[in-house]
Protein backbone atom coordinates (compact mmCIF):
# COMPACT_ATOMS: atom_id res chain seq x y z
CA MET A 1 3.15 89.01 108.22
CA ASN A 2 5.44 87.19 105.82
CA ILE A 3 9.14 86.58 106.42
CA GLN A 4 10.27 89.14 103.83
CA GLU A 5 8.38 91.90 105.63
CA ALA A 6 9.69 90.71 108.99
CA LEU A 7 13.30 90.75 107.84
CA LYS A 8 12.88 94.31 106.52
CA LEU A 9 11.46 95.45 109.88
CA ILE A 10 14.30 93.78 111.76
CA ASP A 11 16.87 95.36 109.44
CA LYS A 12 15.31 98.76 110.12
CA GLY A 13 15.26 98.09 113.87
CA ILE A 14 18.92 97.10 114.13
CA ALA A 15 20.29 99.43 111.43
CA GLU A 16 21.57 102.12 113.82
CA ASN A 17 23.45 99.66 116.02
CA LEU A 18 24.95 97.93 112.99
CA SER A 19 26.00 101.22 111.37
CA LEU A 20 27.74 102.41 114.56
CA ARG A 21 29.84 99.25 114.45
CA GLY A 22 30.60 99.42 110.74
CA PHE A 23 28.37 96.53 109.63
CA GLU A 24 26.95 96.49 106.12
CA ALA A 25 24.61 94.04 104.42
CA VAL A 26 26.31 91.52 102.12
CA TYR A 27 25.14 91.58 98.48
CA SER A 28 25.67 88.95 95.84
CA GLU A 29 26.27 89.97 92.23
CA GLU A 30 22.62 89.30 91.40
CA GLN A 31 21.16 91.38 94.22
CA LYS A 32 20.34 95.05 93.77
CA LYS A 33 21.81 97.70 96.05
CA GLY A 34 19.14 99.54 98.01
CA GLU A 35 17.03 96.42 98.45
CA LEU A 36 17.47 94.15 101.42
CA PRO A 37 19.59 91.19 100.21
CA VAL A 38 17.47 88.28 101.45
CA ASN A 39 18.92 84.89 100.59
CA GLU A 40 16.87 81.67 100.39
CA ASP A 41 18.21 78.17 100.88
CA GLU A 42 15.96 75.11 101.22
CA GLY A 43 13.17 76.96 103.01
CA LYS A 44 15.54 79.07 105.09
CA PHE A 45 15.78 82.85 104.65
CA TYR A 46 18.69 84.95 105.86
CA VAL A 47 20.49 88.27 105.59
CA ASP A 48 24.24 88.54 106.22
CA TYR A 49 26.10 91.55 107.60
CA VAL A 50 29.85 92.05 107.76
CA SER A 51 32.36 94.50 109.28
CA GLU A 52 35.91 94.45 110.58
CA LYS A 53 34.41 93.31 113.88
CA GLY A 54 32.98 90.10 112.46
CA ASN A 55 29.99 88.50 110.72
CA ILE A 56 26.32 88.50 111.62
CA ARG A 57 23.42 86.56 110.14
CA VAL A 58 19.69 87.10 110.72
CA LEU A 59 18.14 83.75 109.89
CA TYR A 60 14.60 82.43 109.57
CA SER A 61 14.34 78.65 109.93
CA ASP A 62 11.78 76.23 111.42
CA GLU A 63 9.44 79.07 112.43
CA LYS A 64 12.18 80.86 114.35
CA LEU A 65 14.05 84.10 113.77
CA CYS A 66 17.65 83.72 114.92
CA PHE A 67 20.51 86.11 115.54
CA GLN A 68 23.75 84.35 114.62
CA ILE A 69 27.45 85.11 114.94
CA GLY A 70 29.86 83.87 112.29
CA SER A 71 33.24 82.25 112.86
CA GLY A 72 35.88 81.09 110.40
CA GLU A 73 36.57 82.47 106.93
CA GLY A 74 35.30 82.10 103.36
CA GLU A 75 33.55 78.83 102.60
CA GLY A 76 34.53 77.59 106.04
CA MET A 77 32.39 80.24 107.73
CA THR A 78 29.93 78.77 110.26
CA PHE A 79 27.18 80.54 112.15
CA LYS A 80 25.98 79.92 115.70
CA SER A 81 22.69 81.21 117.11
CA VAL A 82 22.91 83.39 120.22
CA SER A 83 19.22 84.36 120.22
CA ALA A 84 16.12 82.67 118.77
CA SER A 85 12.48 83.78 118.83
CA LEU A 86 9.36 82.10 117.51
CA PHE A 87 7.89 83.64 114.36
CA ASP A 88 4.93 82.54 112.26
CA GLU A 89 2.40 84.08 109.89
CA ASN A 90 0.27 85.26 112.84
CA ALA A 91 3.05 87.52 114.13
CA ASP A 92 2.48 91.27 113.89
CA GLU A 93 4.67 94.37 113.86
CA LYS A 94 4.86 94.49 117.66
CA ASP A 95 6.19 90.93 117.76
CA VAL A 96 8.87 91.72 115.21
CA LYS A 97 9.93 94.90 117.05
CA TYR A 98 10.30 92.81 120.20
CA ILE A 99 12.59 90.44 118.30
CA ALA A 100 14.59 93.37 116.89
CA ASN A 101 15.10 94.64 120.45
CA GLU A 102 16.43 91.22 121.42
CA PHE A 103 18.84 91.34 118.48
CA ASN A 104 19.98 94.84 119.46
CA ASP A 105 20.85 93.51 122.91
CA CYS A 106 22.96 90.82 121.22
CA ILE A 107 24.75 93.38 119.06
CA GLU A 108 25.54 95.63 122.02
CA ALA A 109 26.76 92.71 124.12
CA ARG A 110 28.88 91.04 121.41
CA PHE A 111 30.26 94.08 119.61
CA LYS A 112 30.96 96.78 122.18
CA LEU A 113 31.92 100.22 120.96
CA LYS A 114 35.38 101.45 121.93
CA ASP A 115 33.97 104.42 123.82
CA ASP A 116 31.77 102.06 125.86
CA SER A 117 34.81 100.60 127.61
CA LYS A 118 36.54 103.90 128.45
CA PRO A 119 36.11 104.89 132.10
CA VAL A 120 34.93 108.44 132.71
CA LYS A 121 37.20 110.36 135.04
CA GLY A 122 36.82 113.70 136.76
CA VAL A 123 33.01 113.69 136.90
CA LYS A 124 31.62 114.20 140.39
CA LEU A 125 28.19 112.63 140.83
CA PRO A 126 25.50 114.57 142.70
CA PRO A 127 24.78 113.16 146.18
CA PRO A 128 21.67 110.93 146.27
CA VAL A 129 18.77 111.58 148.62
CA SER A 130 19.09 109.29 151.64
CA LYS A 131 16.46 106.73 152.55
CA ALA A 132 16.05 108.36 155.96
CA ALA A 133 15.35 111.79 154.42
CA ALA A 134 12.78 110.32 152.03
CA LYS A 135 11.02 108.27 154.68
CA ASN A 136 10.88 111.21 157.11
CA GLY A 137 9.31 113.39 154.44
CA ASN A 138 12.20 115.84 154.59
CA SER A 139 13.03 115.20 150.97
CA PHE A 140 11.92 113.26 147.89
CA TYR A 141 13.91 110.97 145.64
CA ASP A 142 15.11 112.94 142.61
CA PRO A 143 16.30 111.80 139.14
CA ASN A 144 19.93 111.70 140.26
CA THR A 145 19.00 109.37 143.12
CA LEU A 146 17.13 107.13 140.69
CA ALA A 147 20.17 107.03 138.39
CA ASN A 148 22.50 106.43 141.32
CA ARG A 149 20.50 103.45 142.63
CA TYR A 150 19.85 102.14 139.09
CA THR A 151 23.56 102.11 138.30
CA VAL A 152 24.33 100.34 141.57
CA PHE A 153 21.96 97.60 140.42
CA TYR A 154 23.50 97.73 136.93
CA PRO A 155 27.14 98.67 137.68
CA GLU A 156 28.08 98.44 133.99
CA LEU A 157 26.05 101.64 133.51
CA ARG A 158 27.93 103.70 136.10
CA ASP A 159 30.25 105.23 133.52
CA GLU A 160 27.30 105.95 131.22
CA TYR A 161 25.67 107.92 134.04
CA LYS A 162 28.89 109.93 134.41
CA ARG A 163 29.23 110.29 130.64
CA ASN A 164 25.74 111.79 130.43
CA ILE A 165 26.76 114.51 132.90
CA GLU A 166 30.11 115.00 131.17
CA ILE A 167 28.50 115.51 127.75
CA TYR A 168 25.66 117.84 128.78
CA GLY A 169 27.12 119.57 131.84
CA GLU A 170 24.20 118.29 133.90
CA PHE A 171 22.25 115.06 134.19
CA LEU A 172 19.58 114.57 131.51
CA PRO A 173 17.47 111.74 132.93
CA ASP A 174 15.15 111.31 129.92
CA GLU A 175 18.18 110.88 127.68
CA PHE A 176 19.74 108.34 130.04
CA PHE A 177 16.69 106.22 130.84
CA SER A 178 15.35 106.24 127.29
CA LYS A 179 18.62 104.62 126.27
CA TYR A 180 19.26 102.34 129.24
CA GLY A 181 15.74 101.52 130.46
CA SER A 182 16.19 98.39 128.31
CA TYR A 183 18.30 96.91 131.12
CA ALA A 184 15.22 96.88 133.34
CA ILE A 185 13.20 95.24 130.56
CA ASN A 186 15.88 92.56 130.16
CA THR A 187 15.64 91.79 133.88
CA ILE A 188 11.91 91.25 133.42
CA ARG A 189 12.45 89.08 130.35
CA GLN A 190 14.94 86.88 132.20
CA ASN A 191 12.31 86.39 134.94
CA ASP A 192 14.80 85.53 137.68
CA LYS A 193 12.58 85.77 140.78
CA GLN A 194 15.33 86.89 143.16
CA GLN A 195 16.58 89.58 140.77
CA MET A 196 13.02 90.70 140.04
CA LYS A 197 12.30 91.04 143.77
CA LYS A 198 15.46 93.09 144.40
CA PHE A 199 14.87 95.28 141.38
CA PHE A 200 11.23 96.07 142.12
CA ASN A 201 11.87 96.63 145.82
CA MET A 202 14.17 99.43 144.69
CA MET A 203 11.82 100.81 142.04
CA ASN A 204 8.74 100.66 144.29
CA GLU A 205 10.53 102.56 147.04
CA ILE A 206 11.83 105.29 144.73
CA TYR A 207 8.50 105.63 142.92
CA LEU A 208 6.41 105.98 146.09
CA ASP A 209 8.76 108.52 147.70
CA GLY A 210 9.91 110.22 144.50
CA THR A 211 9.19 113.55 142.87
CA ASN A 212 6.67 113.79 140.04
CA GLU A 213 9.57 113.78 137.58
CA VAL A 214 10.95 110.57 139.07
CA GLN A 215 7.53 108.92 138.95
CA SER A 216 7.25 109.86 135.27
CA LEU A 217 10.73 108.50 134.53
CA ILE A 218 9.88 105.16 136.14
CA ALA A 219 6.32 104.69 134.90
CA VAL A 220 6.77 106.16 131.44
CA THR A 221 10.36 106.50 130.27
CA ILE A 222 11.48 103.11 131.61
CA PHE A 223 8.41 100.89 131.71
CA SER A 224 6.88 102.15 128.46
CA GLN A 225 9.64 100.03 126.91
CA LEU A 226 7.54 96.97 127.84
CA ASN A 227 5.69 97.87 124.61
CA ASN A 228 2.32 96.73 125.98
CA ASP A 229 3.53 93.11 126.12
CA ASP A 230 0.90 91.34 128.23
CA GLU A 231 3.24 88.56 129.31
CA LEU A 232 5.91 90.96 130.55
CA LEU A 233 3.32 93.20 132.22
CA ALA A 234 1.90 90.18 134.06
CA ARG A 235 5.36 89.34 135.40
CA CYS A 236 5.72 92.88 136.74
CA VAL A 237 2.41 92.91 138.55
CA ASP A 238 3.62 90.20 140.94
CA PHE A 239 6.39 92.50 142.18
CA MET A 240 5.19 96.06 141.57
CA ASP A 241 3.45 98.18 144.15
CA PRO A 242 -0.25 98.30 143.12
CA GLU A 243 -0.09 102.06 142.56
CA LEU A 244 2.88 101.73 140.23
CA ALA A 245 1.40 98.69 138.48
CA ALA A 246 -1.83 100.56 137.70
CA ILE A 247 -0.08 103.53 136.10
CA VAL A 248 2.37 101.34 134.16
CA ILE A 249 -0.48 99.31 132.66
CA ASN A 250 -2.38 102.49 131.78
CA VAL A 251 0.72 104.03 130.19
CA ASN A 252 1.35 100.94 128.08
CA ARG A 253 -2.28 100.72 126.97
CA TYR A 254 -2.28 104.42 126.07
CA LEU A 255 0.95 104.23 124.08
CA ALA A 256 -0.48 101.32 122.09
CA SER A 257 -3.44 103.50 121.08
CA GLY A 258 -3.56 105.90 118.14
CA ALA A 259 -3.12 108.96 120.36
CA GLY A 260 -0.21 107.31 122.13
CA LYS A 261 1.57 106.49 118.89
CA LYS A 262 1.22 110.14 117.88
CA ALA A 263 2.80 111.20 121.18
CA ILE A 264 5.71 108.84 120.55
CA ARG A 265 6.28 110.33 117.10
CA LEU A 266 6.47 113.79 118.66
CA LEU A 267 9.05 112.63 121.18
CA GLU A 268 11.13 110.92 118.52
CA ASN A 269 11.71 114.32 116.89
CA PRO A 270 12.66 116.55 119.84
CA PRO A 271 14.29 119.96 119.47
CA ALA A 272 18.09 120.06 119.64
CA TYR A 273 19.54 120.35 123.11
CA LYS A 274 20.66 123.91 123.89
CA PRO A 275 21.91 124.37 127.45
CA PRO A 276 20.93 125.93 129.76
CA LYS A 277 17.41 126.38 128.41
CA ALA A 278 14.46 124.41 129.79
CA LYS A 279 14.67 120.65 129.34
CA ARG A 280 12.51 118.76 126.88
CA GLN A 281 9.17 117.76 128.28
CA GLY A 282 8.84 114.16 129.34
CA MET A 283 6.53 111.49 127.99
CA MET A 284 4.03 112.01 130.86
CA GLN A 285 3.57 115.68 129.97
CA THR A 286 3.23 114.84 126.27
CA MET A 287 0.55 112.29 127.12
CA MET A 288 -1.36 114.85 129.17
CA ASN A 289 -1.15 117.42 126.37
CA GLN A 290 -2.48 114.91 123.84
CA GLN A 291 -5.38 113.90 126.08
CA GLN A 292 -6.38 117.52 126.57
CA LYS A 293 -6.69 118.09 122.80
């Protein structure tokens, strides 16, 4: 893949986050609107974006794709890299999507939306299933328990858990974990052994003593976001329960196949939410339906 194609894929991958924050690509007088304005300077390629919130540059230089933040004004503008990933001609679409995900994390961390910082008040969270009840077999961990424990591990998501309930009148776990499962993936990318151990102790416990819906949320909705990355999957295996590891690997391999990609396309175009009708089917059910055809 050449750098022009890679920059177009990255632009597509980060477009939604940029648009939400008012960023637009910067065009020179010679560049045509509607085409990605890629600039070239002594072997470096870059695209600039600007909004009232600041300046962003996606730069290719020395076989690296970098996400940069601008400071200063006019000709005195300087850019500093906050993320850099290796990129060469052997890279494929999956590699570039991985880089785009990294850049999205940078955007969300550096340019928070106003609503993201507003605490949610007046929303009472459902009580989680206790460890004792799950271990005694009197009950199973449900999606609310998974969200409760997940947002204890990632306290910055507590208000998002409440906001999900506030918006829909009930907790929609697929909606929540599709959006915020990336936090788990970032923990795996960072590869901090202590954090990995704590995180997977929690996930193993909830998976093994969870309902079928919870198991699907963990194995599919969250860990499908590993995008069949062999390096990240290998890191997980050291901490995952063998039963969970086996299904996560199978899910990732399936989703990388032709049938799996078709299932993803179906899920990316779900019907509009209309409470209180039945919830959208999860990825696990979609996979099963595809395999039966």
